[in-house]
Each structure stands twice: as structure tokens, then as C-alpha cells.
């Protein structure tokens, strides 16, 4: 079920129908990451480097290499920071384009089914901002766990697998259900949604390809919601009014 949904989503990712939302999503993701890079660089040049320059004169001459090491560490810090910001940026971008992706998948792959209804703009933005905060905090915790051998990579996948799986599935489900029903359906299928989230986290871990995570995750969860709903007919969707 999960692999079937992933194959169907990946097959749609580069299709002509997706071209418009593809470029909009990619452009917004790159813009937000560029702003994040400028912010991190501004913090370093405005606060960290001046402190280092003040501190260096007090050190013996043989420690002049300290500034070189500090510069390398700062560059690595920015790279790591951007790597962990991809997940929050993905969550934020998804709030703008999930309904576009879902509508395309539903129209092209499920033409005989009733179409879903877009999540109201205010509700979608509120949920995206709330999820953004949760993802930021969770990834900060995962970043701290980088210091613990054997746990760091697992923490990244578990944290992002759970959060991305939960959020994207509920968004897809809310096109056909109330928010409460979407959450209940996700809880009843928590294992399936979690493992689907791990697949999204693996997609997120691939450089460059991870910039397309919002499109892949949204399309995948539309397919997964369709399959889960068909498997559990007793929990029929209650469309929002």
C-alpha cells in the first residue's frame, strides 16, 4: 500500500500536469532557503565573527589558526542548519500547494471519484504555522542528538517520519473529512501513516531531490488516503460543509 502510493506519486512528479505547481513550489522553497541562509550568515557576520575578532588579540600568536578553524566551523554550521531547515520549510510550502497537488492527483488518477474540497485558507495557514513550530522544535531536538553516536540518524528519520507523515496525511484527509475525522482516521492507521512518513523522510534526506518533498509527500498521501479509505469502509468520509 505504501510503496504503491509512493510509486504513483513519483510517477506524477515530473508529468506535464504537474509542471505549473512544480515550478511554483520549487521556487518558493528555494526562496525561503535563501532567506534562511542570509539570516544565518547575518547572525555570524553581525555577532559571532565580531566576538571572535575581539577575542583573538588576547590569545598567544601560536593560536592564530583559531580564526581559520572558526571560519570552517561556521561554514559547516550554516550547512547543517540549512539541512535541518529543509523539513520546516517543506512543511510551510506544503500549506500553499497541497490543495493544488491533491486536485491534480484526484482529477488525473481518480476521475470517477467525487473531488475533494480545498481546506479553507485560514485553517490551512493556521495548521501550517502550528506544524512549522512543531517541526522546528523537533528538529532542534534531533540536532542536539547529533552528539549521541548511533542515535543521530535514527532521530532524524523518526522525528521527521512521524511529523511529516501525520501532517501530510491529515491534510489529504481533510479534503474529504472534518479535521476531527481526519485525525481519527490517522490514529486508526498510525502504523501505516508512520511508515509512509519514514519514506517521505528518506526522500527528504536525498540532496536536491528533497526540494521536491512537498509535491511528493502531498501526492503520496492523496493516494494513501484513497487506499486507506477503501480498506476501512466503515469509516466513510464526512465531507466538510
C-alpha atoms as a PDB file:
ATOM      1  CA  UNK A   1       0.000   0.000   0.000  1.00  0.00           C
ATOM      2  CA  UNK A   2       2.760   2.458   0.960  1.00  0.00           C
ATOM      3  CA  UNK A   3       5.049   1.526  -1.939  1.00  0.00           C
ATOM      4  CA  UNK A   4       2.102   1.610  -4.328  1.00  0.00           C
ATOM      5  CA  UNK A   5       1.286   5.154  -3.199  1.00  0.00           C
ATOM      6  CA  UNK A   6       4.940   6.217  -3.446  1.00  0.00           C
ATOM      7  CA  UNK A   7       5.328   4.847  -6.985  1.00  0.00           C
ATOM      8  CA  UNK A   8       2.157   6.570  -8.132  1.00  0.00           C
ATOM      9  CA  UNK A   9       3.259   9.877  -6.557  1.00  0.00           C
ATOM     10  CA  UNK A  10       6.755   9.738  -8.041  1.00  0.00           C
ATOM     11  CA  UNK A  11       5.326   8.906 -11.443  1.00  0.00           C
ATOM     12  CA  UNK A  12       3.243  12.092 -11.335  1.00  0.00           C
ATOM     13  CA  UNK A  13       6.039  14.289 -10.009  1.00  0.00           C
ATOM     14  CA  UNK A  14       7.529  15.175 -13.412  1.00  0.00           C
ATOM     15  CA  UNK A  15       4.382  14.879 -15.508  1.00  0.00           C
ATOM     16  CA  UNK A  16       3.244  17.810 -17.691  1.00  0.00           C
ATOM     17  CA  UNK A  17       0.161  18.277 -15.490  1.00  0.00           C
ATOM     18  CA  UNK A  18       2.393  18.997 -12.501  1.00  0.00           C
ATOM     19  CA  UNK A  19       4.626  21.475 -14.299  1.00  0.00           C
ATOM     20  CA  UNK A  20       2.965  24.641 -13.016  1.00  0.00           C
ATOM     21  CA  UNK A  21       2.792  23.662  -9.346  1.00  0.00           C
ATOM     22  CA  UNK A  22       6.259  22.072  -9.693  1.00  0.00           C
ATOM     23  CA  UNK A  23       7.931  25.377 -10.540  1.00  0.00           C
ATOM     24  CA  UNK A  24       5.894  27.388  -8.023  1.00  0.00           C
ATOM     25  CA  UNK A  25       6.692  25.005  -5.171  1.00  0.00           C
ATOM     26  CA  UNK A  26      10.371  24.705  -6.105  1.00  0.00           C
ATOM     27  CA  UNK A  27      10.715  28.472  -6.459  1.00  0.00           C
ATOM     28  CA  UNK A  28       9.141  29.210  -3.077  1.00  0.00           C
ATOM     29  CA  UNK A  29      11.230  26.522  -1.371  1.00  0.00           C
ATOM     30  CA  UNK A  30      14.461  27.916  -2.835  1.00  0.00           C
ATOM     31  CA  UNK A  31      13.453  31.466  -1.886  1.00  0.00           C
ATOM     32  CA  UNK A  32      12.779  30.510   1.745  1.00  0.00           C
ATOM     33  CA  UNK A  33      16.044  28.557   1.978  1.00  0.00           C
ATOM     34  CA  UNK A  34      17.946  31.512   0.503  1.00  0.00           C
ATOM     35  CA  UNK A  35      16.388  33.820   3.104  1.00  0.00           C
ATOM     36  CA  UNK A  36      17.325  31.318   5.829  1.00  0.00           C
ATOM     37  CA  UNK A  37      20.910  31.225   4.539  1.00  0.00           C
ATOM     38  CA  UNK A  38      21.087  35.020   4.562  1.00  0.00           C
ATOM     39  CA  UNK A  39      19.699  35.050   8.107  1.00  0.00           C
ATOM     40  CA  UNK A  40      22.237  32.538   9.396  1.00  0.00           C
ATOM     41  CA  UNK A  41      25.056  34.341   7.625  1.00  0.00           C
ATOM     42  CA  UNK A  42      23.871  37.644   9.082  1.00  0.00           C
ATOM     43  CA  UNK A  43      23.971  36.232  12.602  1.00  0.00           C
ATOM     44  CA  UNK A  44      27.529  35.025  12.076  1.00  0.00           C
ATOM     45  CA  UNK A  45      28.853  38.225  10.491  1.00  0.00           C
ATOM     46  CA  UNK A  46      26.938  40.513  12.840  1.00  0.00           C
ATOM     47  CA  UNK A  47      27.522  38.783  16.175  1.00  0.00           C
ATOM     48  CA  UNK A  48      29.801  35.744  16.090  1.00  0.00           C
ATOM     49  CA  UNK A  49      32.713  36.956  13.964  1.00  0.00           C
ATOM     50  CA  UNK A  50      32.985  40.350  15.732  1.00  0.00           C
ATOM     51  CA  UNK A  51      33.194  38.498  19.056  1.00  0.00           C
ATOM     52  CA  UNK A  52      35.935  36.255  17.645  1.00  0.00           C
ATOM     53  CA  UNK A  53      37.877  39.281  16.361  1.00  0.00           C
ATOM     54  CA  UNK A  54      37.662  40.843  19.830  1.00  0.00           C
ATOM     55  CA  UNK A  55      38.735  37.636  21.495  1.00  0.00           C
ATOM     56  CA  UNK A  56      41.671  36.757  19.199  1.00  0.00           C
ATOM     57  CA  UNK A  57      44.028  39.606  20.234  1.00  0.00           C
ATOM     58  CA  UNK A  58      44.034  38.228  23.767  1.00  0.00           C
ATOM     59  CA  UNK A  59      45.378  34.874  22.575  1.00  0.00           C
ATOM     60  CA  UNK A  60      49.071  33.976  22.029  1.00  0.00           C
ATOM     61  CA  UNK A  61      50.469  34.226  18.487  1.00  0.00           C
ATOM     62  CA  UNK A  62      50.635  30.470  18.089  1.00  0.00           C
ATOM     63  CA  UNK A  63      46.827  30.317  18.208  1.00  0.00           C
ATOM     64  CA  UNK A  64      46.337  32.371  15.012  1.00  0.00           C
ATOM     65  CA  UNK A  65      44.973  29.253  13.322  1.00  0.00           C
ATOM     66  CA  UNK A  66      41.934  29.622  15.585  1.00  0.00           C
ATOM     67  CA  UNK A  67      40.280  32.077  13.166  1.00  0.00           C
ATOM     68  CA  UNK A  68      40.658  29.608  10.274  1.00  0.00           C
ATOM     69  CA  UNK A  69      39.073  26.824  12.301  1.00  0.00           C
ATOM     70  CA  UNK A  70      36.287  29.172  13.410  1.00  0.00           C
ATOM     71  CA  UNK A  71      35.560  30.097   9.782  1.00  0.00           C
ATOM     72  CA  UNK A  72      35.402  26.444   8.719  1.00  0.00           C
ATOM     73  CA  UNK A  73      33.192  25.580  11.703  1.00  0.00           C
ATOM     74  CA  UNK A  74      30.875  28.475  10.860  1.00  0.00           C
ATOM     75  CA  UNK A  75      30.519  27.287   7.258  1.00  0.00           C
ATOM     76  CA  UNK A  76      29.754  23.756   8.429  1.00  0.00           C
ATOM     77  CA  UNK A  77      27.283  25.177  10.941  1.00  0.00           C
ATOM     78  CA  UNK A  78      25.395  27.023   8.217  1.00  0.00           C
ATOM     79  CA  UNK A  79      25.313  23.860   6.074  1.00  0.00           C
ATOM     80  CA  UNK A  80      23.957  21.765   8.962  1.00  0.00           C
ATOM     81  CA  UNK A  81      21.468  24.484   9.853  1.00  0.00           C
ATOM     82  CA  UNK A  82      20.122  24.617   6.305  1.00  0.00           C
ATOM     83  CA  UNK A  83      19.894  20.815   6.190  1.00  0.00           C
ATOM     84  CA  UNK A  84      17.670  20.833   9.263  1.00  0.00           C
ATOM     85  CA  UNK A  85      15.640  23.768   7.962  1.00  0.00           C
ATOM     86  CA  UNK A  86      14.542  21.846   4.865  1.00  0.00           C
ATOM     87  CA  UNK A  87      11.888  19.965   6.863  1.00  0.00           C
ATOM     88  CA  UNK A  88      10.271  23.111   8.361  1.00  0.00           C
ATOM     89  CA  UNK A  89      10.428  24.902   5.002  1.00  0.00           C
ATOM     90  CA  UNK A  90       8.823  21.856   3.399  1.00  0.00           C
ATOM     91  CA  UNK A  91       6.002  21.998   5.923  1.00  0.00           C
ATOM     92  CA  UNK A  92       5.414  25.690   5.258  1.00  0.00           C
ATOM     93  CA  UNK A  93       5.472  25.341   1.471  1.00  0.00           C
ATOM     94  CA  UNK A  94       3.040  22.434   1.656  1.00  0.00           C
ATOM     95  CA  UNK A  95       0.440  24.710   3.206  1.00  0.00           C
ATOM     96  CA  UNK A  96       0.344  26.729  -0.011  1.00  0.00           C
ATOM     97  CA  UNK A  97       0.402  23.948  -2.600  1.00  0.00           C
ATOM     98  CA  UNK A  98      -1.144  20.827  -1.070  1.00  0.00           C
ATOM     99  CA  UNK A  99      -4.616  21.501  -2.444  1.00  0.00           C
ATOM    100  CA  UNK A 100      -3.214  22.171  -5.928  1.00  0.00           C
ATOM    101  CA  UNK A 101      -1.342  18.863  -5.874  1.00  0.00           C
ATOM    102  CA  UNK A 102      -4.290  16.961  -4.401  1.00  0.00           C
ATOM    103  CA  UNK A 103      -6.679  18.353  -7.012  1.00  0.00           C
ATOM    104  CA  UNK A 104      -4.366  17.306  -9.834  1.00  0.00           C
ATOM    105  CA  UNK A 105      -3.898  13.778  -8.468  1.00  0.00           C
ATOM    106  CA  UNK A 106      -7.620  13.323  -7.831  1.00  0.00           C
ATOM    107  CA  UNK A 107      -8.555  14.580 -11.311  1.00  0.00           C
ATOM    108  CA  UNK A 108      -5.931  12.569 -13.198  1.00  0.00           C
ATOM    109  CA  UNK A 109      -5.856   9.311 -11.198  1.00  0.00           C
ATOM    110  CA  UNK A 110      -9.366   9.138  -9.726  1.00  0.00           C
ATOM    111  CA  UNK A 111     -11.605  10.751 -12.342  1.00  0.00           C
ATOM    112  CA  UNK A 112     -14.618   8.664 -11.311  1.00  0.00           C
ATOM    113  CA  UNK A 113     -14.464   9.676  -7.628  1.00  0.00           C
ATOM    114  CA  UNK A 114     -16.069  12.795  -6.160  1.00  0.00           C
ATOM    115  CA  UNK A 115     -13.421  15.531  -5.893  1.00  0.00           C
ATOM    116  CA  UNK A 116     -12.280  16.738  -2.512  1.00  0.00           C
ATOM    117  CA  UNK A 117     -12.822  20.232  -1.215  1.00  0.00           C
ATOM    118  CA  UNK A 118      -9.892  22.563  -0.516  1.00  0.00           C
ATOM    119  CA  UNK A 119      -9.092  23.149   3.126  1.00  0.00           C
ATOM    120  CA  UNK A 120     -10.208  26.726   3.962  1.00  0.00           C
ATOM    121  CA  UNK A 121      -7.333  29.158   3.539  1.00  0.00           C
ATOM    122  CA  UNK A 122      -7.334  30.460   7.112  1.00  0.00           C
ATOM    123  CA  UNK A 123      -7.491  26.947   8.571  1.00  0.00           C
ATOM    124  CA  UNK A 124      -4.766  25.695   6.231  1.00  0.00           C
ATOM    125  CA  UNK A 125      -2.417  28.556   7.102  1.00  0.00           C
ATOM    126  CA  UNK A 126      -3.057  28.136  10.828  1.00  0.00           C
ATOM    127  CA  UNK A 127      -2.349  24.415  10.666  1.00  0.00           C
ATOM    128  CA  UNK A 128       0.781  25.012   8.589  1.00  0.00           C
ATOM    129  CA  UNK A 129       2.148  27.575  11.049  1.00  0.00           C
ATOM    130  CA  UNK A 130       1.385  25.315  14.006  1.00  0.00           C
ATOM    131  CA  UNK A 131       3.071  22.401  12.301  1.00  0.00           C
ATOM    132  CA  UNK A 132       6.027  24.602  11.357  1.00  0.00           C
ATOM    133  CA  UNK A 133       6.616  25.372  15.037  1.00  0.00           C
ATOM    134  CA  UNK A 134       6.404  21.710  15.991  1.00  0.00           C
ATOM    135  CA  UNK A 135       8.835  20.680  13.242  1.00  0.00           C
ATOM    136  CA  UNK A 136      11.335  23.393  14.212  1.00  0.00           C
ATOM    137  CA  UNK A 137      11.336  22.296  17.852  1.00  0.00           C
ATOM    138  CA  UNK A 138      11.535  18.611  16.958  1.00  0.00           C
ATOM    139  CA  UNK A 139      14.441  19.132  14.583  1.00  0.00           C
ATOM    140  CA  UNK A 140      16.261  21.232  17.156  1.00  0.00           C
ATOM    141  CA  UNK A 141      15.995  18.253  19.488  1.00  0.00           C
ATOM    142  CA  UNK A 142      17.231  15.951  16.709  1.00  0.00           C
ATOM    143  CA  UNK A 143      20.128  18.353  16.082  1.00  0.00           C
ATOM    144  CA  UNK A 144      21.178  18.043  19.721  1.00  0.00           C
ATOM    145  CA  UNK A 145      21.087  14.269  19.359  1.00  0.00           C
ATOM    146  CA  UNK A 146      23.735  14.526  16.640  1.00  0.00           C
ATOM    147  CA  UNK A 147      26.169  14.444  19.537  1.00  0.00           C
ATOM    148  CA  UNK A 148      24.975  10.963  20.519  1.00  0.00           C
ATOM    149  CA  UNK A 149      26.545   8.260  18.267  1.00  0.00           C
ATOM    150  CA  UNK A 150      24.077   5.734  16.887  1.00  0.00           C
ATOM    151  CA  UNK A 151      21.040   7.882  17.669  1.00  0.00           C
ATOM    152  CA  UNK A 152      21.531  10.937  15.438  1.00  0.00           C
ATOM    153  CA  UNK A 153      20.406   9.498  12.087  1.00  0.00           C
ATOM    154  CA  UNK A 154      17.639   7.463  13.709  1.00  0.00           C
ATOM    155  CA  UNK A 155      16.378  10.615  15.443  1.00  0.00           C
ATOM    156  CA  UNK A 156      16.169  12.469  12.129  1.00  0.00           C
ATOM    157  CA  UNK A 157      14.115   9.723  10.496  1.00  0.00           C
ATOM    158  CA  UNK A 158      11.843   9.036  13.468  1.00  0.00           C
ATOM    159  CA  UNK A 159      11.101  12.715  14.161  1.00  0.00           C
ATOM    160  CA  UNK A 160      10.512  13.704  10.550  1.00  0.00           C
ATOM    161  CA  UNK A 161       8.822  10.423   9.649  1.00  0.00           C
ATOM    162  CA  UNK A 162       6.229  10.883  12.363  1.00  0.00           C
ATOM    163  CA  UNK A 163       5.626  14.598  11.840  1.00  0.00           C
ATOM    164  CA  UNK A 164       5.645  14.668   8.037  1.00  0.00           C
ATOM    165  CA  UNK A 165       3.526  11.534   7.793  1.00  0.00           C
ATOM    166  CA  UNK A 166       0.978  12.870  10.247  1.00  0.00           C
ATOM    167  CA  UNK A 167       0.695  16.311   8.710  1.00  0.00           C
ATOM    168  CA  UNK A 168       0.525  15.363   5.055  1.00  0.00           C
ATOM    169  CA  UNK A 169      -1.946  12.540   5.674  1.00  0.00           C
ATOM    170  CA  UNK A 170      -4.270  14.748   7.697  1.00  0.00           C
ATOM    171  CA  UNK A 171      -4.129  17.470   5.061  1.00  0.00           C
ATOM    172  CA  UNK A 172      -5.084  14.963   2.355  1.00  0.00           C
ATOM    173  CA  UNK A 173      -7.859  13.505   4.511  1.00  0.00           C
ATOM    174  CA  UNK A 174      -9.326  16.918   5.355  1.00  0.00           C
ATOM    175  CA  UNK A 175     -10.274  17.405   1.720  1.00  0.00           C
ATOM    176  CA  UNK A 176     -12.961  14.780   2.366  1.00  0.00           C
ATOM    177  CA  UNK A 177     -13.408  14.838   6.141  1.00  0.00           C
ATOM    178  CA  UNK A 178     -13.683  17.162   9.063  1.00  0.00           C
ATOM    179  CA  UNK A 179     -10.448  17.833  10.933  1.00  0.00           C
ATOM    180  CA  UNK A 180     -11.574  15.597  13.806  1.00  0.00           C
ATOM    181  CA  UNK A 181     -12.434  12.725  11.437  1.00  0.00           C
ATOM    182  CA  UNK A 182      -9.108  13.123   9.622  1.00  0.00           C
ATOM    183  CA  UNK A 183      -7.195  12.886  12.899  1.00  0.00           C
ATOM    184  CA  UNK A 184      -9.238   9.855  13.977  1.00  0.00           C
ATOM    185  CA  UNK A 185      -8.559   8.084  10.677  1.00  0.00           C
ATOM    186  CA  UNK A 186      -4.854   8.814  11.017  1.00  0.00           C
ATOM    187  CA  UNK A 187      -4.813   7.391  14.555  1.00  0.00           C
ATOM    188  CA  UNK A 188      -6.572   4.209  13.403  1.00  0.00           C
ATOM    189  CA  UNK A 189      -3.898   3.777  10.753  1.00  0.00           C
ATOM    190  CA  UNK A 190      -0.997   5.230  12.728  1.00  0.00           C
ATOM    191  CA  UNK A 191       1.463   2.480  11.787  1.00  0.00           C
ATOM    192  CA  UNK A 192       0.791   2.797   8.061  1.00  0.00           C
ATOM    193  CA  UNK A 193       0.992   6.593   8.200  1.00  0.00           C
ATOM    194  CA  UNK A 194       4.228   6.476  10.210  1.00  0.00           C
ATOM    195  CA  UNK A 195       5.981   4.135   7.785  1.00  0.00           C
ATOM    196  CA  UNK A 196       4.774   6.285   4.896  1.00  0.00           C
ATOM    197  CA  UNK A 197       6.267   9.236   6.773  1.00  0.00           C
ATOM    198  CA  UNK A 198       9.596   7.388   7.016  1.00  0.00           C
ATOM    199  CA  UNK A 199       9.574   7.088   3.228  1.00  0.00           C
ATOM    200  CA  UNK A 200       8.982  10.847   2.990  1.00  0.00           C
ATOM    201  CA  UNK A 201      11.862  11.396   5.433  1.00  0.00           C
ATOM    202  CA  UNK A 202      14.101   9.224   3.218  1.00  0.00           C
ATOM    203  CA  UNK A 203      13.071  11.366   0.229  1.00  0.00           C
ATOM    204  CA  UNK A 204      13.884  14.424   2.337  1.00  0.00           C
ATOM    205  CA  UNK A 205      17.384  13.098   3.010  1.00  0.00           C
ATOM    206  CA  UNK A 206      18.372  12.998  -0.688  1.00  0.00           C
ATOM    207  CA  UNK A 207      20.148  16.242  -1.700  1.00  0.00           C
ATOM    208  CA  UNK A 208      18.399  18.311  -4.394  1.00  0.00           C
ATOM    209  CA  UNK A 209      15.568  15.791  -4.663  1.00  0.00           C
ATOM    210  CA  UNK A 210      14.499  16.870  -1.179  1.00  0.00           C
ATOM    211  CA  UNK A 211      13.461  20.263  -2.587  1.00  0.00           C
ATOM    212  CA  UNK A 212      10.505  18.458  -4.166  1.00  0.00           C
ATOM    213  CA  UNK A 213       9.407  16.876  -0.895  1.00  0.00           C
ATOM    214  CA  UNK A 214       6.138  18.907  -0.628  1.00  0.00           C
ATOM    215  CA  UNK A 215       4.944  17.698  -4.037  1.00  0.00           C
ATOM    216  CA  UNK A 216       5.958  14.080  -3.468  1.00  0.00           C
ATOM    217  CA  UNK A 217       4.529  13.906   0.051  1.00  0.00           C
ATOM    218  CA  UNK A 218       1.242  15.575  -0.872  1.00  0.00           C
ATOM    219  CA  UNK A 219       0.682  13.330  -3.910  1.00  0.00           C
ATOM    220  CA  UNK A 220       1.690  10.214  -1.993  1.00  0.00           C
ATOM    221  CA  UNK A 221      -0.689  10.915   0.867  1.00  0.00           C
ATOM    222  CA  UNK A 222      -3.598  11.542  -1.506  1.00  0.00           C
ATOM    223  CA  UNK A 223      -3.063   8.028  -2.863  1.00  0.00           C
ATOM    224  CA  UNK A 224      -2.587   6.572   0.622  1.00  0.00           C
ATOM    225  CA  UNK A 225      -5.757   8.223   1.909  1.00  0.00           C
ATOM    226  CA  UNK A 226      -7.704   6.742  -1.013  1.00  0.00           C
ATOM    227  CA  UNK A 227      -6.344   3.254  -0.282  1.00  0.00           C
ATOM    228  CA  UNK A 228      -6.897   3.517   3.471  1.00  0.00           C
ATOM    229  CA  UNK A 229     -10.452   4.769   2.962  1.00  0.00           C
ATOM    230  CA  UNK A 230     -11.217   1.869   0.615  1.00  0.00           C
ATOM    231  CA  UNK A 231      -9.815  -0.582   3.173  1.00  0.00           C
ATOM    232  CA  UNK A 232     -11.929   0.865   6.012  1.00  0.00           C
ATOM    233  CA  UNK A 233     -15.367   1.499   4.503  1.00  0.00           C
ATOM    234  CA  UNK A 234     -16.917   1.696   7.972  1.00  0.00           C
ATOM    235  CA  UNK A 235     -15.112   4.971   8.476  1.00  0.00           C
ATOM    236  CA  UNK A 236     -16.615   6.717   5.480  1.00  0.00           C
ATOM    237  CA  UNK A 237     -15.594  10.253   4.837  1.00  0.00           C
ATOM    238  CA  UNK A 238     -17.715  13.066   6.101  1.00  0.00           C
ATOM    239  CA  UNK A 239     -17.085  15.918   3.705  1.00  0.00           C
ATOM    240  CA  UNK A 240     -16.795  19.342   5.221  1.00  0.00           C
ATOM    241  CA  UNK A 241     -19.649  21.635   4.704  1.00  0.00           C
END
